[in-house]
Amino acid sequence: MNWGLVLISPIVLVRLLSVEAFGSYREFLLYVSLLSTIAAFGVNSSLMYFVARRPEHRQRFINQALSMTLASSACVIAIAVALDVFLDGALIGEYLLPTVIYVALFVNFDFWEHLWLAERRIGAVFGYTTGRLIARLTVVLTAAAVTRDVNTIVWSLVGLETIRLLLAVFWWARRRQRHPPEAPGSWSEQLRFCLPVGAASALVTLNTSIGGWFIAKMLGPVGLAHYAIGTYVQPVITVLRNSLSDVLLPEMAAQPTPGTDSLSLWRRMTVAAAILLIGAAVVLASFAHTLVVTLFSEEYLQAVPVFQIYLLVLVREVMDFAVPLRAINNTQPLLRSNALGIIVNATLLLVLLPSVGVVGAAVAYVVSRSLEGLYLGAQTMRAYSISLRELAPWRELGKVAVAAAAASLTLDEAFWTGRFAIFGVLLGSASFLLVYGALLIVFRVQEVLSLLRRLPKVQRVFVA
């Protein structure tokens, strides 16, 4: 639901702002997303590991996370300002001041989601994230509708985040424990966990953002606007894959001796992710032209090939190797794999961007993420002392792939949209889902059957 709201924002903004103004707004978001990830450094996400495993020291780890985040954000902001001044504005430029203020406000006292996930308070996470997101979208869309000015939108976001920080400090002061239990060595333990995870997270974001940064500096805001729409599918990846990963990590970490037994949980999640991501990729690829032109207008037609190429990332994201590695606190491979990915991405960007434009940025990212996944897969096998055959439920994944390929025969963009216009996308998607779901049942994919067993009436029809 949260990412569904995020998907709505660009659809409205492209109708309120010119292509150049929309690109400038996305440029600001590019800077803040990159610096925020580096500044946060994955510190708050460590609560999902430590609070889940040692809940008696909950407040100790929260306090340490707050201190680490404050120090990290201060260092990142200082370095960003120094570099931008030294490079005469070539790093960030005119958005330097609102960017650093926003980053400082955004990352501090923002541990709630990870804490509640560790405590399995999913309802609290839903309420907090949804409320925060609705507030942000309301501010952005209102400022855009009233002023059509990017600077007004940017400073409105800064004002909203100021209110959020003040409310978070007030709530934390009321709820914190005055005398948290002692936890000898907890500082060094949490820091050792955060350093590779934070560095890996920063590199992932850098790898995701570097294409946009190159485009902003080489092609300008119009090129960035096209690339932003072409990578519009990124929230789909986040909602379908990361939601599963975020819930699974505390479950795996909470087990007394995480190992190959706990890896079975991850294997089940991989099949579930494959069902969702592969199905989404097939539908979106089939209706890419209609979706882009209808949702964002003919001005963004150049984003269609970027959109289709970027969909290959969904297939890569089926296997989230970070979860099993973090569950056993083996996070060094995450750092090395992402360093590899960003080197490959940057190299391909320098080669492809001048010759093929924004499409080259999509190709570079897909290739870099694929190579990074191959490396992490090998490291996961090594960490758990398993073979390639044992790494994943290949038979089940094969069934999902075959079902998606067969069901894709129902998708013909010319047929559906030629007869029903934009409603053909809904009808075609529905036909695909019906055939796809039926084939998954016929192929007896265990994750689907497990879901059906929770529905007694359906069980009698399909599973008995």
Protein backbone atom coordinates (compact mmCIF):
# COMPACT_ATOMS: atom_id res chain seq x y z
CA MET A 1 0.00 0.00 0.00
CA ASN A 2 2.81 2.42 0.88
CA TRP A 3 4.65 1.87 -2.38
CA GLY A 4 1.35 1.99 -4.21
CA LEU A 5 1.02 5.55 -2.95
CA VAL A 6 4.56 6.27 -4.12
CA LEU A 7 3.63 5.04 -7.59
CA ILE A 8 0.81 7.57 -7.72
CA SER A 9 3.07 10.57 -7.04
CA PRO A 10 4.95 10.66 -10.39
CA ILE A 11 1.72 10.13 -12.33
CA VAL A 12 0.32 13.32 -10.79
CA LEU A 13 3.55 15.31 -10.80
CA VAL A 14 4.22 14.87 -14.54
CA ARG A 15 0.88 16.60 -15.14
CA LEU A 16 1.67 19.46 -12.76
CA LEU A 17 5.30 20.05 -13.79
CA SER A 18 7.11 20.34 -17.09
CA VAL A 19 9.51 17.55 -18.09
CA GLU A 20 12.47 19.73 -17.09
CA ALA A 21 10.93 20.69 -13.73
CA PHE A 22 10.06 17.08 -12.99
CA GLY A 23 13.65 16.12 -13.81
CA SER A 24 14.94 18.80 -11.42
CA TYR A 25 12.71 17.48 -8.64
CA ARG A 26 13.98 13.95 -9.28
CA GLU A 27 17.52 15.29 -9.16
CA PHE A 28 16.92 16.54 -5.61
CA LEU A 29 15.45 13.15 -4.66
CA LEU A 30 18.50 11.47 -6.20
CA TYR A 31 20.87 13.41 -3.97
CA VAL A 32 18.88 12.95 -0.77
CA SER A 33 18.27 9.24 -1.31
CA LEU A 34 21.97 8.59 -1.86
CA LEU A 35 23.21 10.72 1.03
CA SER A 36 20.46 9.49 3.36
CA THR A 37 21.41 5.86 2.81
CA ILE A 38 25.09 6.58 3.39
CA ALA A 39 24.33 8.72 6.44
CA ALA A 40 21.99 6.13 7.98
CA PHE A 41 24.62 3.46 7.23
CA GLY A 42 22.28 0.60 8.01
CA VAL A 43 22.58 1.29 11.73
CA ASN A 44 18.86 1.20 12.47
CA SER A 45 18.39 -2.01 10.51
CA SER A 46 20.76 -3.70 12.99
CA LEU A 47 17.91 -3.54 15.52
CA MET A 48 16.13 -6.27 13.55
CA TYR A 49 19.06 -8.54 14.40
CA PHE A 50 20.04 -7.49 17.93
CA VAL A 51 16.58 -6.79 19.40
CA ALA A 52 15.25 -10.04 17.93
CA ARG A 53 18.11 -12.04 19.45
CA ARG A 54 18.52 -10.16 22.75
CA PRO A 55 15.28 -8.35 23.59
CA GLU A 56 16.35 -7.80 27.22
CA HIS A 57 18.92 -5.25 25.96
CA ARG A 58 16.44 -3.50 23.69
CA GLN A 59 16.99 0.02 24.99
CA ARG A 60 20.76 -0.35 25.03
CA PHE A 61 20.84 -1.13 21.32
CA ILE A 62 18.37 1.66 20.52
CA ASN A 63 20.50 4.25 22.32
CA GLN A 64 23.63 3.01 20.58
CA ALA A 65 21.88 3.13 17.21
CA LEU A 66 20.82 6.74 17.81
CA SER A 67 24.36 7.79 18.70
CA MET A 68 25.91 5.96 15.76
CA THR A 69 23.40 7.45 13.31
CA LEU A 70 24.01 10.97 14.61
CA ALA A 71 27.78 10.59 14.22
CA SER A 72 27.47 8.99 10.79
CA SER A 73 25.09 11.61 9.42
CA ALA A 74 27.26 14.46 10.69
CA CYS A 75 30.33 13.00 8.98
CA VAL A 76 28.54 12.35 5.69
CA ILE A 77 27.04 15.84 5.57
CA ALA A 78 30.41 17.46 6.35
CA ILE A 79 32.15 15.45 3.62
CA ALA A 80 29.39 16.17 1.07
CA VAL A 81 29.56 19.92 1.72
CA ALA A 82 33.36 19.94 1.53
CA LEU A 83 33.42 17.98 -1.73
CA ASP A 84 30.74 20.11 -3.36
CA VAL A 85 32.56 23.32 -2.43
CA PHE A 86 35.89 21.89 -3.60
CA LEU A 87 34.34 20.79 -6.93
CA ASP A 88 32.62 24.16 -7.35
CA GLY A 89 29.12 22.68 -7.19
CA ALA A 90 29.74 19.80 -9.59
CA LEU A 91 28.68 17.17 -6.99
CA ILE A 92 25.27 18.55 -5.95
CA GLY A 93 25.10 22.18 -6.98
CA GLU A 94 22.12 24.44 -6.31
CA TYR A 95 20.37 21.90 -4.09
CA LEU A 96 23.25 21.58 -1.61
CA LEU A 97 21.65 23.46 1.32
CA PRO A 98 18.18 21.83 1.28
CA THR A 99 19.78 18.44 0.60
CA VAL A 100 22.05 18.42 3.65
CA ILE A 101 19.33 19.83 5.93
CA TYR A 102 16.83 17.27 4.72
CA VAL A 103 19.29 14.39 5.14
CA ALA A 104 20.09 15.42 8.72
CA LEU A 105 16.40 15.56 9.60
CA PHE A 106 15.44 12.41 7.70
CA VAL A 107 17.91 9.86 9.08
CA ASN A 108 17.99 10.75 12.78
CA PHE A 109 15.44 9.27 15.21
CA ASP A 110 14.06 7.06 12.46
CA PHE A 111 14.52 3.62 14.02
CA TRP A 112 10.87 2.80 14.65
CA GLU A 113 10.15 0.53 11.69
CA HIS A 114 13.14 -1.72 12.33
CA LEU A 115 12.44 -1.89 16.05
CA TRP A 116 8.81 -2.85 15.51
CA LEU A 117 9.76 -5.44 12.90
CA ALA A 118 12.13 -7.01 15.43
CA GLU A 119 9.26 -7.06 17.94
CA ARG A 120 6.86 -8.39 15.27
CA ARG A 121 4.56 -5.38 15.64
CA ILE A 122 3.58 -5.33 12.00
CA GLY A 123 0.49 -3.22 12.58
CA ALA A 124 2.59 -0.43 14.10
CA VAL A 125 4.93 -0.52 11.11
CA PHE A 126 1.99 -0.27 8.73
CA GLY A 127 0.45 2.66 10.58
CA TYR A 128 3.70 4.60 10.91
CA THR A 129 4.92 4.17 7.33
CA THR A 130 1.54 4.79 5.79
CA GLY A 131 0.91 7.94 7.82
CA ARG A 132 4.36 9.29 7.07
CA LEU A 133 4.07 8.58 3.38
CA ILE A 134 0.61 10.11 3.05
CA ALA A 135 1.91 13.27 4.74
CA ARG A 136 4.87 13.49 2.33
CA LEU A 137 2.74 12.94 -0.75
CA THR A 138 0.20 15.49 0.42
CA VAL A 139 2.88 18.12 0.95
CA VAL A 140 4.58 17.44 -2.41
CA LEU A 141 1.42 17.37 -4.49
CA THR A 142 -0.08 20.42 -2.76
CA ALA A 143 3.07 22.48 -3.24
CA ALA A 144 3.29 21.39 -6.87
CA ALA A 145 -0.36 22.15 -7.58
CA VAL A 146 -0.26 25.58 -5.95
CA THR A 147 3.15 26.88 -7.06
CA ARG A 148 4.50 24.64 -9.89
CA ASP A 149 7.88 25.56 -8.38
CA VAL A 150 10.53 22.91 -7.58
CA ASN A 151 12.20 24.96 -4.85
CA THR A 152 8.91 25.36 -3.01
CA ILE A 153 8.34 21.61 -3.17
CA VAL A 154 11.83 20.93 -1.84
CA TRP A 155 11.60 23.32 1.11
CA SER A 156 8.10 22.05 1.94
CA LEU A 157 9.61 18.58 2.35
CA VAL A 158 12.27 20.02 4.63
CA GLY A 159 9.58 21.61 6.78
CA LEU A 160 7.61 18.37 7.02
CA GLU A 161 10.69 16.40 8.04
CA THR A 162 11.42 18.97 10.75
CA ILE A 163 8.00 18.28 12.27
CA ARG A 164 8.58 14.53 12.00
CA LEU A 165 11.89 14.75 13.84
CA LEU A 166 10.44 16.85 16.67
CA LEU A 167 7.57 14.41 17.17
CA ALA A 168 9.98 11.45 17.11
CA VAL A 169 12.23 13.01 19.77
CA PHE A 170 9.23 13.74 21.98
CA TRP A 171 7.89 10.18 21.66
CA TRP A 172 11.31 8.63 22.28
CA ALA A 173 11.83 10.77 25.41
CA ARG A 174 8.54 9.54 26.82
CA ARG A 175 8.95 5.86 25.98
CA ARG A 176 12.63 5.16 26.60
CA GLN A 177 13.81 3.22 29.61
CA ARG A 178 15.88 5.28 32.02
CA HIS A 179 18.20 2.46 33.07
CA PRO A 180 18.76 -0.01 30.23
CA PRO A 181 20.41 -3.28 31.25
CA GLU A 182 24.18 -3.45 30.90
CA ALA A 183 25.46 -5.27 27.82
CA PRO A 184 29.26 -5.55 27.91
CA GLY A 185 30.79 -5.33 24.47
CA SER A 186 27.52 -4.25 22.86
CA TRP A 187 29.05 -1.15 21.27
CA SER A 188 31.76 -3.05 19.46
CA GLU A 189 29.40 -5.88 18.56
CA GLN A 190 26.80 -3.58 17.03
CA LEU A 191 29.47 -1.53 15.29
CA ARG A 192 31.06 -4.62 13.75
CA PHE A 193 27.64 -5.64 12.44
CA CYS A 194 26.82 -2.18 11.06
CA LEU A 195 30.09 -1.39 9.30
CA PRO A 196 29.87 -3.99 6.51
CA VAL A 197 26.06 -3.81 6.33
CA GLY A 198 26.13 -0.02 6.17
CA ALA A 199 28.90 0.05 3.61
CA ALA A 200 27.07 -2.55 1.51
CA SER A 201 23.80 -0.60 1.76
CA ALA A 202 25.58 2.60 0.73
CA LEU A 203 27.14 0.83 -2.24
CA VAL A 204 23.77 -0.66 -3.27
CA THR A 205 22.21 2.81 -3.27
CA LEU A 206 25.22 4.26 -5.05
CA ASN A 207 24.95 1.51 -7.66
CA THR A 208 21.24 2.27 -8.06
CA SER A 209 21.75 6.03 -8.16
CA ILE A 210 24.94 6.40 -10.14
CA GLY A 211 23.12 6.02 -13.44
CA GLY A 212 20.80 8.90 -12.53
CA TRP A 213 23.76 11.00 -11.35
CA PHE A 214 25.65 10.44 -14.62
CA ILE A 215 22.52 11.32 -16.61
CA ALA A 216 21.85 14.47 -14.54
CA LYS A 217 25.39 15.73 -15.13
CA MET A 218 25.75 14.62 -18.77
CA LEU A 219 22.22 14.82 -20.21
CA GLY A 220 20.48 17.27 -17.87
CA PRO A 221 17.10 17.19 -16.13
CA VAL A 222 15.12 16.10 -19.21
CA GLY A 223 17.25 12.96 -19.60
CA LEU A 224 16.91 12.30 -15.88
CA ALA A 225 13.12 12.67 -16.11
CA HIS A 226 12.99 9.99 -18.81
CA TYR A 227 15.26 7.70 -16.80
CA ALA A 228 13.17 8.21 -13.65
CA ILE A 229 10.03 7.08 -15.47
CA GLY A 230 11.93 4.19 -17.06
CA THR A 231 12.94 2.96 -13.61
CA TYR A 232 9.42 3.48 -12.29
CA VAL A 233 9.28 -0.26 -11.55
CA GLN A 234 11.78 0.06 -8.66
CA PRO A 235 9.00 0.40 -6.04
CA VAL A 236 7.52 -2.87 -7.34
CA ILE A 237 10.79 -4.58 -6.47
CA THR A 238 10.81 -3.00 -3.04
CA VAL A 239 7.25 -3.87 -2.09
CA LEU A 240 7.29 -7.42 -3.44
CA ARG A 241 10.76 -8.53 -2.38
CA ASN A 242 11.92 -6.35 0.52
CA SER A 243 8.67 -6.79 2.44
CA LEU A 244 9.34 -10.53 2.51
CA SER A 245 13.01 -10.06 3.41
CA ASP A 246 12.35 -7.60 6.23
CA VAL A 247 9.95 -9.99 7.93
CA LEU A 248 12.13 -13.05 7.37
CA LEU A 249 15.42 -11.69 8.79
CA PRO A 250 14.25 -11.41 12.44
CA GLU A 251 12.78 -14.93 12.19
CA MET A 252 16.08 -16.38 10.99
CA ALA A 253 18.19 -14.32 13.40
CA ALA A 254 16.02 -15.29 16.39
CA GLN A 255 16.81 -18.98 15.99
CA PRO A 256 19.34 -20.18 18.58
CA THR A 257 21.70 -21.66 15.99
CA PRO A 258 21.01 -20.20 12.54
CA GLY A 259 22.25 -22.52 9.82
CA THR A 260 21.06 -24.82 7.06
CA ASP A 261 17.79 -25.48 8.89
CA SER A 262 16.97 -21.78 8.98
CA LEU A 263 17.98 -21.58 5.32
CA SER A 264 14.82 -23.56 4.51
CA LEU A 265 12.83 -20.45 5.50
CA TRP A 266 14.80 -18.43 2.98
CA ARG A 267 14.22 -21.04 0.28
CA ARG A 268 10.48 -20.79 0.83
CA MET A 269 10.68 -17.01 0.63
CA THR A 270 12.60 -17.32 -2.64
CA VAL A 271 9.76 -19.29 -4.24
CA ALA A 272 7.20 -16.77 -2.98
CA ALA A 273 9.33 -13.91 -4.34
CA ALA A 274 9.65 -15.68 -7.69
CA ILE A 275 5.88 -16.07 -7.99
CA LEU A 276 5.36 -12.36 -7.36
CA LEU A 277 8.33 -10.84 -9.19
CA ILE A 278 8.33 -13.00 -12.32
CA GLY A 279 4.60 -12.59 -12.73
CA ALA A 280 4.90 -8.82 -12.34
CA ALA A 281 7.79 -8.66 -14.82
CA VAL A 282 5.84 -10.54 -17.51
CA VAL A 283 2.75 -8.32 -17.22
CA LEU A 284 4.68 -5.04 -17.08
CA ALA A 285 6.88 -5.98 -20.05
CA SER A 286 3.85 -6.85 -22.15
CA PHE A 287 2.07 -3.55 -21.53
CA ALA A 288 5.11 -1.27 -21.18
CA HIS A 289 4.25 1.07 -24.08
CA THR A 290 0.62 1.53 -23.08
CA LEU A 291 1.46 2.07 -19.41
CA VAL A 292 4.17 4.67 -20.00
CA VAL A 293 2.29 6.66 -22.62
CA THR A 294 -1.05 6.54 -20.80
CA LEU A 295 0.27 7.26 -17.31
CA PHE A 296 2.95 9.79 -18.21
CA SER A 297 2.02 11.10 -21.71
CA GLU A 298 3.79 10.93 -25.08
CA GLU A 299 6.52 13.23 -23.76
CA TYR A 300 7.98 10.24 -21.91
CA LEU A 301 7.95 7.83 -24.86
CA GLN A 302 11.76 7.54 -24.68
CA ALA A 303 11.35 5.88 -21.28
CA VAL A 304 9.67 2.75 -22.75
CA PRO A 305 12.85 0.81 -23.68
CA VAL A 306 14.44 1.78 -20.37
CA PHE A 307 11.35 0.48 -18.60
CA GLN A 308 11.47 -2.88 -20.41
CA ILE A 309 15.18 -3.44 -19.87
CA TYR A 310 14.96 -2.49 -16.21
CA LEU A 311 12.34 -5.19 -15.68
CA LEU A 312 15.12 -7.77 -15.87
CA VAL A 313 16.13 -6.58 -12.41
CA LEU A 314 12.96 -8.21 -11.06
CA VAL A 315 14.24 -11.60 -12.12
CA ARG A 316 17.57 -10.94 -10.41
CA GLU A 317 15.88 -9.84 -7.19
CA VAL A 318 14.10 -13.18 -6.74
CA MET A 319 17.05 -14.33 -4.59
CA ASP A 320 17.89 -11.93 -1.77
CA PHE A 321 21.21 -13.37 -0.60
CA ALA A 322 21.62 -10.59 1.96
CA VAL A 323 19.07 -12.23 4.28
CA PRO A 324 20.83 -15.59 4.91
CA LEU A 325 24.21 -13.87 5.16
CA ARG A 326 23.02 -11.25 7.65
CA ALA A 327 21.18 -13.92 9.66
CA ILE A 328 24.54 -15.50 10.55
CA ASN A 329 26.26 -12.09 10.85
CA ASN A 330 28.44 -12.82 7.80
CA THR A 331 28.18 -9.43 6.14
CA GLN A 332 31.58 -8.97 4.53
CA PRO A 333 30.49 -10.58 1.21
CA LEU A 334 27.78 -7.92 0.91
CA LEU A 335 30.41 -5.21 0.89
CA ARG A 336 32.62 -6.93 -1.65
CA SER A 337 29.76 -7.83 -3.98
CA ASN A 338 28.42 -4.31 -4.07
CA ALA A 339 31.88 -2.88 -4.67
CA LEU A 340 32.09 -5.23 -7.66
CA GLY A 341 28.66 -4.11 -8.86
CA ILE A 342 29.42 -0.42 -8.71
CA ILE A 343 32.74 -0.83 -10.55
CA VAL A 344 31.00 -2.72 -13.35
CA ASN A 345 28.12 -0.22 -13.44
CA ALA A 346 30.36 2.86 -13.57
CA THR A 347 32.55 1.33 -16.28
CA LEU A 348 29.58 0.44 -18.47
CA LEU A 349 28.03 3.87 -17.91
CA LEU A 350 31.15 5.59 -19.22
CA VAL A 351 31.06 3.38 -22.31
CA LEU A 352 27.31 3.21 -23.03
CA LEU A 353 25.83 6.53 -21.90
CA PRO A 354 27.51 8.73 -24.53
CA SER A 355 26.54 6.34 -27.36
CA VAL A 356 23.06 5.03 -26.52
CA GLY A 357 21.80 7.51 -23.91
CA VAL A 358 19.49 6.58 -21.04
CA VAL A 359 19.04 3.03 -22.36
CA GLY A 360 22.74 2.46 -21.68
CA ALA A 361 22.22 3.33 -18.03
CA ALA A 362 19.54 0.64 -17.71
CA VAL A 363 21.75 -1.97 -19.38
CA ALA A 364 24.69 -1.07 -17.13
CA TYR A 365 22.61 -1.47 -13.98
CA VAL A 366 21.09 -4.80 -15.01
CA VAL A 367 24.50 -6.27 -15.84
CA SER A 368 26.07 -5.02 -12.61
CA ARG A 369 23.26 -6.40 -10.45
CA SER A 370 23.42 -9.77 -12.20
CA LEU A 371 27.16 -10.16 -11.61
CA GLU A 372 26.73 -9.07 -8.00
CA GLY A 373 24.06 -11.74 -7.54
CA LEU A 374 26.30 -14.48 -8.93
CA TYR A 375 29.05 -13.54 -6.49
CA LEU A 376 26.68 -13.45 -3.49
CA GLY A 377 25.23 -16.81 -4.44
CA ALA A 378 28.69 -18.35 -4.35
CA GLN A 379 29.41 -16.74 -0.98
CA THR A 380 26.12 -18.01 0.46
CA MET A 381 26.97 -21.56 -0.59
CA ARG A 382 30.37 -21.19 1.04
CA ALA A 383 28.96 -19.72 4.27
CA TYR A 384 26.41 -22.53 4.69
CA SER A 385 28.66 -25.27 3.27
CA ILE A 386 26.13 -26.31 0.65
CA SER A 387 26.24 -27.09 -3.06
CA LEU A 388 24.57 -25.23 -5.89
CA ARG A 389 21.87 -27.89 -5.97
CA GLU A 390 21.09 -27.25 -2.29
CA LEU A 391 21.16 -23.47 -2.56
CA ALA A 392 17.64 -22.99 -3.86
CA PRO A 393 14.52 -25.05 -4.67
CA TRP A 394 15.37 -25.14 -8.35
CA ARG A 395 12.53 -27.52 -9.23
CA GLU A 396 9.92 -25.20 -7.72
CA LEU A 397 11.51 -22.15 -9.34
CA GLY A 398 11.46 -23.95 -12.68
CA LYS A 399 7.76 -24.62 -12.28
CA VAL A 400 7.16 -20.92 -11.64
CA ALA A 401 9.15 -19.92 -14.73
CA VAL A 402 7.31 -22.39 -16.96
CA ALA A 403 3.93 -21.28 -15.59
CA ALA A 404 4.77 -17.62 -16.24
CA ALA A 405 6.00 -18.36 -19.77
CA ALA A 406 2.88 -20.36 -20.63
CA ALA A 407 0.52 -17.79 -19.12
CA SER A 408 2.26 -14.99 -21.06
CA LEU A 409 0.59 -16.36 -24.22
CA THR A 410 -2.58 -14.66 -22.98
CA LEU A 411 -0.88 -11.26 -23.14
CA ASP A 412 -1.12 -9.46 -26.47
CA GLU A 413 -0.89 -5.69 -26.07
CA ALA A 414 -2.32 -4.98 -29.53
CA PHE A 415 -5.32 -7.24 -28.90
CA TRP A 416 -6.21 -6.04 -25.42
CA THR A 417 -5.53 -2.31 -25.80
CA GLY A 418 -6.80 -2.22 -29.38
CA ARG A 419 -10.24 -3.34 -28.22
CA PHE A 420 -10.45 -1.99 -24.69
CA ALA A 421 -7.88 0.86 -24.57
CA ILE A 422 -6.32 1.28 -21.12
CA PHE A 423 -8.90 -1.07 -19.61
CA GLY A 424 -7.35 -3.78 -21.76
CA VAL A 425 -4.32 -3.69 -19.46
CA LEU A 426 -6.54 -4.67 -16.54
CA LEU A 427 -8.38 -7.33 -18.51
CA GLY A 428 -5.19 -8.77 -19.98
CA SER A 429 -3.50 -8.80 -16.58
CA ALA A 430 -6.51 -10.54 -15.06
CA SER A 431 -6.45 -13.22 -17.75
CA PHE A 432 -2.74 -13.76 -17.17
CA LEU A 433 -3.21 -14.06 -13.41
CA LEU A 434 -6.00 -16.59 -13.78
CA VAL A 435 -3.96 -18.82 -16.08
CA TYR A 436 -0.77 -18.25 -14.08
CA GLY A 437 -2.44 -19.16 -10.79
CA ALA A 438 -4.13 -22.20 -12.29
CA LEU A 439 -0.84 -23.49 -13.70
CA LEU A 440 0.92 -22.99 -10.38
CA ILE A 441 -1.75 -25.17 -8.79
CA VAL A 442 -1.59 -27.79 -11.57
CA PHE A 443 2.21 -27.89 -11.21
CA ARG A 444 1.70 -28.24 -7.45
CA VAL A 445 4.04 -25.43 -6.44
CA GLN A 446 4.31 -25.93 -2.70
CA GLU A 447 4.07 -22.28 -1.67
CA VAL A 448 0.77 -21.93 -3.52
CA LEU A 449 -0.57 -25.17 -2.06
CA SER A 450 0.43 -24.06 1.44
CA LEU A 451 -1.60 -20.91 0.95
CA LEU A 452 -4.59 -22.86 -0.31
CA ARG A 453 -4.48 -25.18 2.69
CA ARG A 454 -5.37 -22.17 4.81
CA LEU A 455 -8.64 -21.88 2.86
CA PRO A 456 -10.72 -24.98 3.65
CA LYS A 457 -13.20 -24.63 0.79
CA VAL A 458 -10.49 -24.07 -1.79
CA GLN A 459 -8.47 -26.93 -0.29
CA ARG A 460 -11.21 -29.42 -0.98
CA VAL A 461 -11.32 -28.40 -4.63
CA PHE A 462 -7.62 -28.09 -5.50
CA VAL A 463 -5.49 -29.76 -2.84
CA ALA A 464 -7.32 -32.81 -1.54
